[in-house]
């Protein structure tokens, strides 16, 4: 069982999920603050995600050198992110008025 994440951790997890889906797991480090990096490193040390910085050679050869970091999810991380997306969708669906 994965521990409950706080709001900052959940937001970062959803940002990472978007990066995995849209950018093959590459992350623009400039979009993260110091606290985000602490959270990411903690999640990685707990085995919830894999996270790291790309080598300078990879960054220089990249089409987009702003992708400075990478992330991979465990099954638990995927499950948690899916649950978050589902809850957000359910909340939004409750506020939609259908004519």
PDB file of N, CA and C in Angstrom:
ATOM      1  N   UNK A   1       0.848  -1.190   0.000  1.00  0.00           N
ATOM      2  CA  UNK A   1       0.000   0.000   0.000  1.00  0.00           C
ATOM      3  C   UNK A   1       0.887   1.244   0.000  1.00  0.00           C
ATOM      4  N   UNK A   2       0.614   2.139  -0.893  1.00  0.00           N
ATOM      5  CA  UNK A   2       1.363   3.385  -1.010  1.00  0.00           C
ATOM      6  C   UNK A   2       0.788   4.399  -0.034  1.00  0.00           C
ATOM      7  N   UNK A   3       1.677   5.137   0.621  1.00  0.00           N
ATOM      8  CA  UNK A   3       1.213   6.168   1.550  1.00  0.00           C
ATOM      9  C   UNK A   3       0.481   7.266   0.778  1.00  0.00           C
ATOM     10  N   UNK A   4      -0.422   7.934   1.456  1.00  0.00           N
ATOM     11  CA  UNK A   4      -1.130   9.054   0.835  1.00  0.00           C
ATOM     12  C   UNK A   4      -0.148  10.188   0.590  1.00  0.00           C
ATOM     13  N   UNK A   5      -0.243  10.801  -0.573  1.00  0.00           N
ATOM     14  CA  UNK A   5       0.623  11.925  -0.912  1.00  0.00           C
ATOM     15  C   UNK A   5      -0.052  13.231  -0.541  1.00  0.00           C
ATOM     16  N   UNK A   6       0.744  14.247  -0.237  1.00  0.00           N
ATOM     17  CA  UNK A   6       0.167  15.564   0.019  1.00  0.00           C
ATOM     18  C   UNK A   6      -0.077  16.264  -1.314  1.00  0.00           C
ATOM     19  N   UNK A   7      -0.666  17.445  -1.278  1.00  0.00           N
ATOM     20  CA  UNK A   7      -1.050  18.161  -2.496  1.00  0.00           C
ATOM     21  C   UNK A   7       0.149  18.436  -3.414  1.00  0.00           C
ATOM     22  N   UNK A   8       1.269  18.883  -2.844  1.00  0.00           N
ATOM     23  CA  UNK A   8       2.456  19.158  -3.657  1.00  0.00           C
ATOM     24  C   UNK A   8       2.973  17.882  -4.316  1.00  0.00           C
ATOM     25  N   UNK A   9       2.973  16.787  -3.586  1.00  0.00           N
ATOM     26  CA  UNK A   9       3.431  15.509  -4.133  1.00  0.00           C
ATOM     27  C   UNK A   9       2.501  15.026  -5.245  1.00  0.00           C
ATOM     28  N   UNK A  10       1.202  15.179  -5.028  1.00  0.00           N
ATOM     29  CA  UNK A  10       0.237  14.775  -6.054  1.00  0.00           C
ATOM     30  C   UNK A  10       0.394  15.611  -7.312  1.00  0.00           C
ATOM     31  N   UNK A  11       0.556  16.922  -7.156  1.00  0.00           N
ATOM     32  CA  UNK A  11       0.734  17.789  -8.318  1.00  0.00           C
ATOM     33  C   UNK A  11       1.984  17.408  -9.102  1.00  0.00           C
ATOM     34  N   UNK A  12       3.067  17.127  -8.404  1.00  0.00           N
ATOM     35  CA  UNK A  12       4.302  16.736  -9.073  1.00  0.00           C
ATOM     36  C   UNK A  12       4.121  15.394  -9.778  1.00  0.00           C
ATOM     37  N   UNK A  13       3.446  14.452  -9.136  1.00  0.00           N
ATOM     38  CA  UNK A  13       3.197  13.157  -9.756  1.00  0.00           C
ATOM     39  C   UNK A  13       2.414  13.326 -11.058  1.00  0.00           C
ATOM     40  N   UNK A  14       1.423  14.208 -11.061  1.00  0.00           N
ATOM     41  CA  UNK A  14       0.637  14.424 -12.272  1.00  0.00           C
ATOM     42  C   UNK A  14       1.452  15.144 -13.349  1.00  0.00           C
ATOM     43  N   UNK A  15       2.348  16.045 -12.954  1.00  0.00           N
ATOM     44  CA  UNK A  15       3.257  16.663 -13.926  1.00  0.00           C
ATOM     45  C   UNK A  15       4.143  15.579 -14.545  1.00  0.00           C
ATOM     46  N   UNK A  16       4.678  14.710 -13.710  1.00  0.00           N
ATOM     47  CA  UNK A  16       5.516  13.623 -14.207  1.00  0.00           C
ATOM     48  C   UNK A  16       4.727  12.701 -15.135  1.00  0.00           C
ATOM     49  N   UNK A  17       3.482  12.419 -14.782  1.00  0.00           N
ATOM     50  CA  UNK A  17       2.651  11.567 -15.632  1.00  0.00           C
ATOM     51  C   UNK A  17       2.496  12.195 -17.016  1.00  0.00           C
ATOM     52  N   UNK A  18       2.264  13.495 -17.051  1.00  0.00           N
ATOM     53  CA  UNK A  18       2.146  14.194 -18.335  1.00  0.00           C
ATOM     54  C   UNK A  18       3.444  14.093 -19.129  1.00  0.00           C
ATOM     55  N   UNK A  19       4.562  14.215 -18.448  1.00  0.00           N
ATOM     56  CA  UNK A  19       5.863  14.096 -19.118  1.00  0.00           C
ATOM     57  C   UNK A  19       6.063  12.698 -19.689  1.00  0.00           C
ATOM     58  N   UNK A  20       5.630  11.691 -18.950  1.00  0.00           N
ATOM     59  CA  UNK A  20       5.749  10.323 -19.445  1.00  0.00           C
ATOM     60  C   UNK A  20       4.895  10.108 -20.687  1.00  0.00           C
ATOM     61  N   UNK A  21       3.700  10.634 -20.674  1.00  0.00           N
ATOM     62  CA  UNK A  21       2.783  10.444 -21.794  1.00  0.00           C
ATOM     63  C   UNK A  21       3.195  11.293 -22.993  1.00  0.00           C
ATOM     64  N   UNK A  22       3.556  12.546 -22.758  1.00  0.00           N
ATOM     65  CA  UNK A  22       3.803  13.483 -23.854  1.00  0.00           C
ATOM     66  C   UNK A  22       5.255  13.583 -24.300  1.00  0.00           C
ATOM     67  N   UNK A  23       6.212  13.294 -23.412  1.00  0.00           N
ATOM     68  CA  UNK A  23       7.628  13.533 -23.709  1.00  0.00           C
ATOM     69  C   UNK A  23       8.515  12.320 -23.460  1.00  0.00           C
ATOM     70  N   UNK A  24       7.928  11.135 -23.471  1.00  0.00           N
ATOM     71  CA  UNK A  24       8.687   9.912 -23.244  1.00  0.00           C
ATOM     72  C   UNK A  24       9.447   9.918 -21.921  1.00  0.00           C
ATOM     73  N   UNK A  25       8.889  10.618 -20.940  1.00  0.00           N
ATOM     74  CA  UNK A  25       9.496  10.648 -19.608  1.00  0.00           C
ATOM     75  C   UNK A  25      10.543  11.725 -19.423  1.00  0.00           C
ATOM     76  N   UNK A  26      10.752  12.569 -20.425  1.00  0.00           N
ATOM     77  CA  UNK A  26      11.721  13.655 -20.288  1.00  0.00           C
ATOM     78  C   UNK A  26      11.055  14.858 -19.624  1.00  0.00           C
ATOM     79  N   UNK A  27      11.809  15.492 -18.739  1.00  0.00           N
ATOM     80  CA  UNK A  27      11.283  16.573 -17.899  1.00  0.00           C
ATOM     81  C   UNK A  27      12.084  17.844 -18.131  1.00  0.00           C
ATOM     82  N   UNK A  28      11.380  18.956 -18.212  1.00  0.00           N
ATOM     83  CA  UNK A  28      12.038  20.255 -18.253  1.00  0.00           C
ATOM     84  C   UNK A  28      12.319  20.672 -16.809  1.00  0.00           C
ATOM     85  N   UNK A  29      13.564  20.553 -16.405  1.00  0.00           N
ATOM     86  CA  UNK A  29      13.938  20.881 -15.039  1.00  0.00           C
ATOM     87  C   UNK A  29      13.611  22.313 -14.661  1.00  0.00           C
ATOM     88  N   UNK A  30      13.580  23.213 -15.636  1.00  0.00           N
ATOM     89  CA  UNK A  30      13.273  24.618 -15.348  1.00  0.00           C
ATOM     90  C   UNK A  30      11.835  24.809 -14.868  1.00  0.00           C
ATOM     91  N   UNK A  31      10.998  23.813 -15.063  1.00  0.00           N
ATOM     92  CA  UNK A  31       9.609  23.894 -14.590  1.00  0.00           C
ATOM     93  C   UNK A  31       9.453  23.408 -13.149  1.00  0.00           C
ATOM     94  N   UNK A  32      10.553  22.954 -12.560  1.00  0.00           N
ATOM     95  CA  UNK A  32      10.527  22.448 -11.187  1.00  0.00           C
ATOM     96  C   UNK A  32      11.266  23.406 -10.263  1.00  0.00           C
ATOM     97  N   UNK A  33      10.751  23.537  -9.041  1.00  0.00           N
ATOM     98  CA  UNK A  33      11.440  24.351  -8.041  1.00  0.00           C
ATOM     99  C   UNK A  33      12.214  23.440  -7.088  1.00  0.00           C
ATOM    100  N   UNK A  34      12.884  24.046  -6.132  1.00  0.00           N
ATOM    101  CA  UNK A  34      13.719  23.285  -5.199  1.00  0.00           C
ATOM    102  C   UNK A  34      12.918  22.240  -4.437  1.00  0.00           C
ATOM    103  N   UNK A  35      11.717  22.590  -4.041  1.00  0.00           N
ATOM    104  CA  UNK A  35      10.868  21.644  -3.304  1.00  0.00           C
ATOM    105  C   UNK A  35      10.473  20.463  -4.194  1.00  0.00           C
ATOM    106  N   UNK A  36      10.183  20.743  -5.466  1.00  0.00           N
ATOM    107  CA  UNK A  36       9.848  19.661  -6.396  1.00  0.00           C
ATOM    108  C   UNK A  36      10.992  18.654  -6.503  1.00  0.00           C
ATOM    109  N   UNK A  37      12.220  19.164  -6.584  1.00  0.00           N
ATOM    110  CA  UNK A  37      13.373  18.263  -6.675  1.00  0.00           C
ATOM    111  C   UNK A  37      13.516  17.431  -5.403  1.00  0.00           C
ATOM    112  N   UNK A  38      13.259  18.038  -4.251  1.00  0.00           N
ATOM    113  CA  UNK A  38      13.313  17.278  -2.990  1.00  0.00           C
ATOM    114  C   UNK A  38      12.271  16.165  -2.990  1.00  0.00           C
ATOM    115  N   UNK A  39      11.066  16.505  -3.422  1.00  0.00           N
ATOM    116  CA  UNK A  39       9.983  15.518  -3.464  1.00  0.00           C
ATOM    117  C   UNK A  39      10.346  14.387  -4.430  1.00  0.00           C
ATOM    118  N   UNK A  40      10.834  14.745  -5.611  1.00  0.00           N
ATOM    119  CA  UNK A  40      11.187  13.735  -6.615  1.00  0.00           C
ATOM    120  C   UNK A  40      12.266  12.797  -6.083  1.00  0.00           C
ATOM    121  N   UNK A  41      13.274  13.358  -5.443  1.00  0.00           N
ATOM    122  CA  UNK A  41      14.355  12.530  -4.895  1.00  0.00           C
ATOM    123  C   UNK A  41      13.834  11.616  -3.789  1.00  0.00           C
ATOM    124  N   UNK A  42      12.911  12.120  -2.974  1.00  0.00           N
ATOM    125  CA  UNK A  42      12.322  11.308  -1.905  1.00  0.00           C
ATOM    126  C   UNK A  42      11.498  10.165  -2.494  1.00  0.00           C
ATOM    127  N   UNK A  43      10.663  10.484  -3.499  1.00  0.00           N
ATOM    128  CA  UNK A  43       9.868   9.441  -4.158  1.00  0.00           C
ATOM    129  C   UNK A  43      10.775   8.370  -4.763  1.00  0.00           C
ATOM    130  N   UNK A  44      11.880   8.809  -5.344  1.00  0.00           N
ATOM    131  CA  UNK A  44      12.818   7.867  -5.953  1.00  0.00           C
ATOM    132  C   UNK A  44      13.503   7.008  -4.886  1.00  0.00           C
ATOM    133  N   UNK A  45      13.885   7.627  -3.773  1.00  0.00           N
ATOM    134  CA  UNK A  45      14.556   6.858  -2.719  1.00  0.00           C
ATOM    135  C   UNK A  45      13.621   5.833  -2.080  1.00  0.00           C
ATOM    136  N   UNK A  46      12.320   6.108  -2.126  1.00  0.00           N
ATOM    137  CA  UNK A  46      11.321   5.173  -1.599  1.00  0.00           C
ATOM    138  C   UNK A  46      10.949   4.096  -2.615  1.00  0.00           C
ATOM    139  N   UNK A  47      11.470   4.206  -3.837  1.00  0.00           N
ATOM    140  CA  UNK A  47      11.169   3.227  -4.866  1.00  0.00           C
ATOM    141  C   UNK A  47       9.831   3.426  -5.544  1.00  0.00           C
ATOM    142  N   UNK A  48       9.213   4.590  -5.360  1.00  0.00           N
ATOM    143  CA  UNK A  48       7.908   4.888  -5.954  1.00  0.00           C
ATOM    144  C   UNK A  48       8.058   5.253  -7.427  1.00  0.00           C
ATOM    145  N   UNK A  49       9.117   5.992  -7.757  1.00  0.00           N
ATOM    146  CA  UNK A  49       9.448   6.368  -9.129  1.00  0.00           C
ATOM    147  C   UNK A  49      10.952   6.189  -9.320  1.00  0.00           C
ATOM    148  N   UNK A  50      11.398   6.272 -10.558  1.00  0.00           N
ATOM    149  CA  UNK A  50      12.820   6.420 -10.871  1.00  0.00           C
ATOM    150  C   UNK A  50      12.962   7.820 -11.450  1.00  0.00           C
ATOM    151  N   UNK A  51      14.002   8.544 -11.031  1.00  0.00           N
ATOM    152  CA  UNK A  51      14.155   9.948 -11.412  1.00  0.00           C
ATOM    153  C   UNK A  51      15.631  10.275 -11.471  1.00  0.00           C
ATOM    154  N   UNK A  52      16.011  11.062 -12.459  1.00  0.00           N
ATOM    155  CA  UNK A  52      17.409  11.463 -12.529  1.00  0.00           C
ATOM    156  C   UNK A  52      17.653  12.562 -13.534  1.00  0.00           C
ATOM    157  N   UNK A  53      18.900  13.002 -13.557  1.00  0.00           N
ATOM    158  CA  UNK A  53      19.332  14.035 -14.498  1.00  0.00           C
ATOM    159  C   UNK A  53      19.974  13.347 -15.700  1.00  0.00           C
ATOM    160  N   UNK A  54      19.687  13.863 -16.874  1.00  0.00           N
ATOM    161  CA  UNK A  54      20.295  13.341 -18.095  1.00  0.00           C
ATOM    162  C   UNK A  54      21.756  13.767 -18.158  1.00  0.00           C
ATOM    163  N   UNK A  55      22.557  13.004 -18.848  1.00  0.00           N
ATOM    164  CA  UNK A  55      23.970  13.369 -18.999  1.00  0.00           C
ATOM    165  C   UNK A  55      24.074  14.627 -19.873  1.00  0.00           C
ATOM    166  N   UNK A  56      25.135  15.374 -19.697  1.00  0.00           N
ATOM    167  CA  UNK A  56      25.310  16.599 -20.482  1.00  0.00           C
ATOM    168  C   UNK A  56      25.418  16.271 -21.968  1.00  0.00           C
ATOM    169  N   UNK A  57      26.012  15.132 -22.310  1.00  0.00           N
ATOM    170  CA  UNK A  57      26.078  14.717 -23.720  1.00  0.00           C
ATOM    171  C   UNK A  57      24.685  14.509 -24.303  1.00  0.00           C
ATOM    172  N   UNK A  58      23.826  13.825 -23.554  1.00  0.00           N
ATOM    173  CA  UNK A  58      22.449  13.607 -24.017  1.00  0.00           C
ATOM    174  C   UNK A  58      21.699  14.921 -24.178  1.00  0.00           C
ATOM    175  N   UNK A  59      21.886  15.814 -23.223  1.00  0.00           N
ATOM    176  CA  UNK A  59      21.198  17.112 -23.283  1.00  0.00           C
ATOM    177  C   UNK A  59      21.661  17.891 -24.509  1.00  0.00           C
ATOM    178  N   UNK A  60      22.965  17.931 -24.765  1.00  0.00           N
ATOM    179  CA  UNK A  60      23.505  18.685 -25.894  1.00  0.00           C
ATOM    180  C   UNK A  60      23.064  18.112 -27.235  1.00  0.00           C
ATOM    181  N   UNK A  61      22.902  16.800 -27.322  1.00  0.00           N
ATOM    182  CA  UNK A  61      22.481  16.150 -28.563  1.00  0.00           C
ATOM    183  C   UNK A  61      20.972  16.215 -28.775  1.00  0.00           C
ATOM    184  N   UNK A  62      20.247  16.602 -27.744  1.00  0.00           N
ATOM    185  CA  UNK A  62      18.792  16.586 -27.767  1.00  0.00           C
ATOM    186  C   UNK A  62      18.220  17.667 -28.674  1.00  0.00           C
ATOM    187  N   UNK A  63      17.071  17.365 -29.268  1.00  0.00           N
ATOM    188  CA  UNK A  63      16.343  18.353 -30.056  1.00  0.00           C
ATOM    189  C   UNK A  63      15.906  19.512 -29.162  1.00  0.00           C
ATOM    190  N   UNK A  64      15.553  19.194 -27.926  1.00  0.00           N
ATOM    191  CA  UNK A  64      15.134  20.215 -26.960  1.00  0.00           C
ATOM    192  C   UNK A  64      16.024  20.103 -25.725  1.00  0.00           C
ATOM    193  N   UNK A  65      17.044  20.946 -25.627  1.00  0.00           N
ATOM    194  CA  UNK A  65      17.975  20.844 -24.491  1.00  0.00           C
ATOM    195  C   UNK A  65      17.374  21.267 -23.146  1.00  0.00           C
ATOM    196  N   UNK A  66      16.128  21.732 -23.138  1.00  0.00           N
ATOM    197  CA  UNK A  66      15.515  22.069 -21.851  1.00  0.00           C
ATOM    198  C   UNK A  66      15.036  20.818 -21.114  1.00  0.00           C
ATOM    199  N   UNK A  67      15.033  19.665 -21.805  1.00  0.00           N
ATOM    200  CA  UNK A  67      14.702  18.406 -21.148  1.00  0.00           C
ATOM    201  C   UNK A  67      15.944  17.902 -20.423  1.00  0.00           C
ATOM    202  N   UNK A  68      16.068  18.288 -19.173  1.00  0.00           N
ATOM    203  CA  UNK A  68      17.285  18.021 -18.405  1.00  0.00           C
ATOM    204  C   UNK A  68      17.196  16.800 -17.497  1.00  0.00           C
ATOM    205  N   UNK A  69      15.988  16.312 -17.238  1.00  0.00           N
ATOM    206  CA  UNK A  69      15.780  15.201 -16.309  1.00  0.00           C
ATOM    207  C   UNK A  69      14.870  14.163 -16.948  1.00  0.00           C
ATOM    208  N   UNK A  70      14.759  13.016 -16.306  1.00  0.00           N
ATOM    209  CA  UNK A  70      13.895  11.938 -16.782  1.00  0.00           C
ATOM    210  C   UNK A  70      13.176  11.312 -15.599  1.00  0.00           C
ATOM    211  N   UNK A  71      12.061  10.647 -15.886  1.00  0.00           N
ATOM    212  CA  UNK A  71      11.289   9.955 -14.855  1.00  0.00           C
ATOM    213  C   UNK A  71      10.724   8.665 -15.434  1.00  0.00           C
ATOM    214  N   UNK A  72      10.582   7.661 -14.590  1.00  0.00           N
ATOM    215  CA  UNK A  72       9.897   6.410 -14.903  1.00  0.00           C
ATOM    216  C   UNK A  72       9.026   6.064 -13.697  1.00  0.00           C
ATOM    217  N   UNK A  73       7.880   5.465 -13.962  1.00  0.00           N
ATOM    218  CA  UNK A  73       6.941   5.114 -12.899  1.00  0.00           C
ATOM    219  C   UNK A  73       6.992   3.620 -12.602  1.00  0.00           C
ATOM    220  N   UNK A  74       6.774   3.297 -11.344  1.00  0.00           N
ATOM    221  CA  UNK A  74       6.481   1.933 -10.946  1.00  0.00           C
ATOM    222  C   UNK A  74       4.982   1.713 -11.172  1.00  0.00           C
ATOM    223  N   UNK A  75       4.544   0.479 -11.063  1.00  0.00           N
ATOM    224  CA  UNK A  75       3.105   0.206 -11.182  1.00  0.00           C
ATOM    225  C   UNK A  75       2.323   0.968 -10.114  1.00  0.00           C
ATOM    226  N   UNK A  76       2.881   1.069  -8.894  1.00  0.00           N
ATOM    227  CA  UNK A  76       2.199   1.820  -7.833  1.00  0.00           C
ATOM    228  C   UNK A  76       2.031   3.288  -8.207  1.00  0.00           C
ATOM    229  N   UNK A  77       3.044   3.869  -8.818  1.00  0.00           N
ATOM    230  CA  UNK A  77       2.949   5.275  -9.221  1.00  0.00           C
ATOM    231  C   UNK A  77       1.895   5.451 -10.316  1.00  0.00           C
ATOM    232  N   UNK A  78       1.880   4.532 -11.284  1.00  0.00           N
ATOM    233  CA  UNK A  78       0.850   4.595 -12.328  1.00  0.00           C
ATOM    234  C   UNK A  78      -0.542   4.474 -11.717  1.00  0.00           C
ATOM    235  N   UNK A  79      -0.710   3.531 -10.809  1.00  0.00           N
ATOM    236  CA  UNK A  79      -2.019   3.339 -10.169  1.00  0.00           C
ATOM    237  C   UNK A  79      -2.445   4.584  -9.406  1.00  0.00           C
ATOM    238  N   UNK A  80      -1.507   5.184  -8.679  1.00  0.00           N
ATOM    239  CA  UNK A  80      -1.833   6.379  -7.890  1.00  0.00           C
ATOM    240  C   UNK A  80      -2.215   7.530  -8.831  1.00  0.00           C
ATOM    241  N   UNK A  81      -1.433   7.734  -9.877  1.00  0.00           N
ATOM    242  CA  UNK A  81      -1.727   8.823 -10.823  1.00  0.00           C
ATOM    243  C   UNK A  81      -3.075   8.597 -11.502  1.00  0.00           C
ATOM    244  N   UNK A  82      -3.366   7.354 -11.857  1.00  0.00           N
ATOM    245  CA  UNK A  82      -4.657   7.046 -12.472  1.00  0.00           C
ATOM    246  C   UNK A  82      -5.806   7.389 -11.521  1.00  0.00           C
ATOM    247  N   UNK A  83      -5.650   7.025 -10.259  1.00  0.00           N
ATOM    248  CA  UNK A  83      -6.683   7.344  -9.268  1.00  0.00           C
ATOM    249  C   UNK A  83      -6.882   8.844  -9.120  1.00  0.00           C
ATOM    250  N   UNK A  84      -5.785   9.603  -9.153  1.00  0.00           N
ATOM    251  CA  UNK A  84      -5.897  11.060  -9.074  1.00  0.00           C
ATOM    252  C   UNK A  84      -6.656  11.619 -10.267  1.00  0.00           C
ATOM    253  N   UNK A  85      -6.313  11.173 -11.463  1.00  0.00           N
ATOM    254  CA  UNK A  85      -6.996  11.651 -12.676  1.00  0.00           C
ATOM    255  C   UNK A  85      -8.479  11.305 -12.621  1.00  0.00           C
ATOM    256  N   UNK A  86      -8.780  10.105 -12.175  1.00  0.00           N
ATOM    257  CA  UNK A  86     -10.181   9.683 -12.087  1.00  0.00           C
ATOM    258  C   UNK A  86     -10.956  10.566 -11.114  1.00  0.00           C
ATOM    259  N   UNK A  87     -10.368  10.835  -9.940  1.00  0.00           N
ATOM    260  CA  UNK A  87     -11.048  11.696  -8.958  1.00  0.00           C
ATOM    261  C   UNK A  87     -11.248  13.097  -9.514  1.00  0.00           C
ATOM    262  N   UNK A  88     -10.238  13.643 -10.191  1.00  0.00           N
ATOM    263  CA  UNK A  88     -10.377  14.976 -10.779  1.00  0.00           C
ATOM    264  C   UNK A  88     -11.494  14.987 -11.823  1.00  0.00           C
ATOM    265  N   UNK A  89     -11.561  13.954 -12.650  1.00  0.00           N
ATOM    266  CA  UNK A  89     -12.600  13.871 -13.671  1.00  0.00           C
ATOM    267  C   UNK A  89     -13.981  13.787 -13.026  1.00  0.00           C
ATOM    268  N   UNK A  90     -14.092  13.005 -11.968  1.00  0.00           N
ATOM    269  CA  UNK A  90     -15.382  12.871 -11.289  1.00  0.00           C
ATOM    270  C   UNK A  90     -15.829  14.194 -10.687  1.00  0.00           C
ATOM    271  N   UNK A  91     -14.894  14.935 -10.117  1.00  0.00           N
ATOM    272  CA  UNK A  91     -15.224  16.249  -9.548  1.00  0.00           C
ATOM    273  C   UNK A  91     -15.703  17.188 -10.643  1.00  0.00           C
ATOM    274  N   UNK A  92     -14.984  17.212 -11.782  1.00  0.00           N
ATOM    275  CA  UNK A  92     -15.369  18.094 -12.891  1.00  0.00           C
ATOM    276  C   UNK A  92     -16.703  17.675 -13.490  1.00  0.00           C
ATOM    277  N   UNK A  93     -16.954  16.384 -13.568  1.00  0.00           N
ATOM    278  CA  UNK A  93     -18.214  15.909 -14.136  1.00  0.00           C
ATOM    279  C   UNK A  93     -19.405  16.309 -13.283  1.00  0.00           C
ATOM    280  N   UNK A  94     -19.200  16.429 -11.980  1.00  0.00           N
ATOM    281  CA  UNK A  94     -20.292  16.837 -11.095  1.00  0.00           C
ATOM    282  C   UNK A  94     -20.707  18.281 -11.337  1.00  0.00           C
ATOM    283  N   UNK A  95     -19.790  19.098 -11.860  1.00  0.00           N
ATOM    284  CA  UNK A  95     -20.096  20.513 -12.055  1.00  0.00           C
ATOM    285  C   UNK A  95     -20.599  20.830 -13.456  1.00  0.00           C
ATOM    286  N   UNK A  96     -20.605  19.839 -14.347  1.00  0.00           N
ATOM    287  CA  UNK A  96     -21.072  20.059 -15.718  1.00  0.00           C
ATOM    288  C   UNK A  96     -22.594  19.948 -15.764  1.00  0.00           C
ATOM    289  N   UNK A  97     -23.209  20.935 -16.387  1.00  0.00           N
ATOM    290  CA  UNK A  97     -24.660  20.922 -16.553  1.00  0.00           C
ATOM    291  C   UNK A  97     -24.962  20.425 -17.944  1.00  0.00           C
ATOM    292  N   UNK A  98     -25.762  19.374 -18.034  1.00  0.00           N
ATOM    293  CA  UNK A  98     -26.145  18.810 -19.319  1.00  0.00           C
ATOM    294  C   UNK A  98     -27.575  19.255 -19.614  1.00  0.00           C
ATOM    295  N   UNK A  99     -27.764  19.791 -20.781  1.00  0.00           N
ATOM    296  CA  UNK A  99     -29.088  20.301 -21.158  1.00  0.00           C
ATOM    297  C   UNK A  99     -29.914  19.235 -21.783  1.00  0.00           C
TER     298      UNK A  99
END
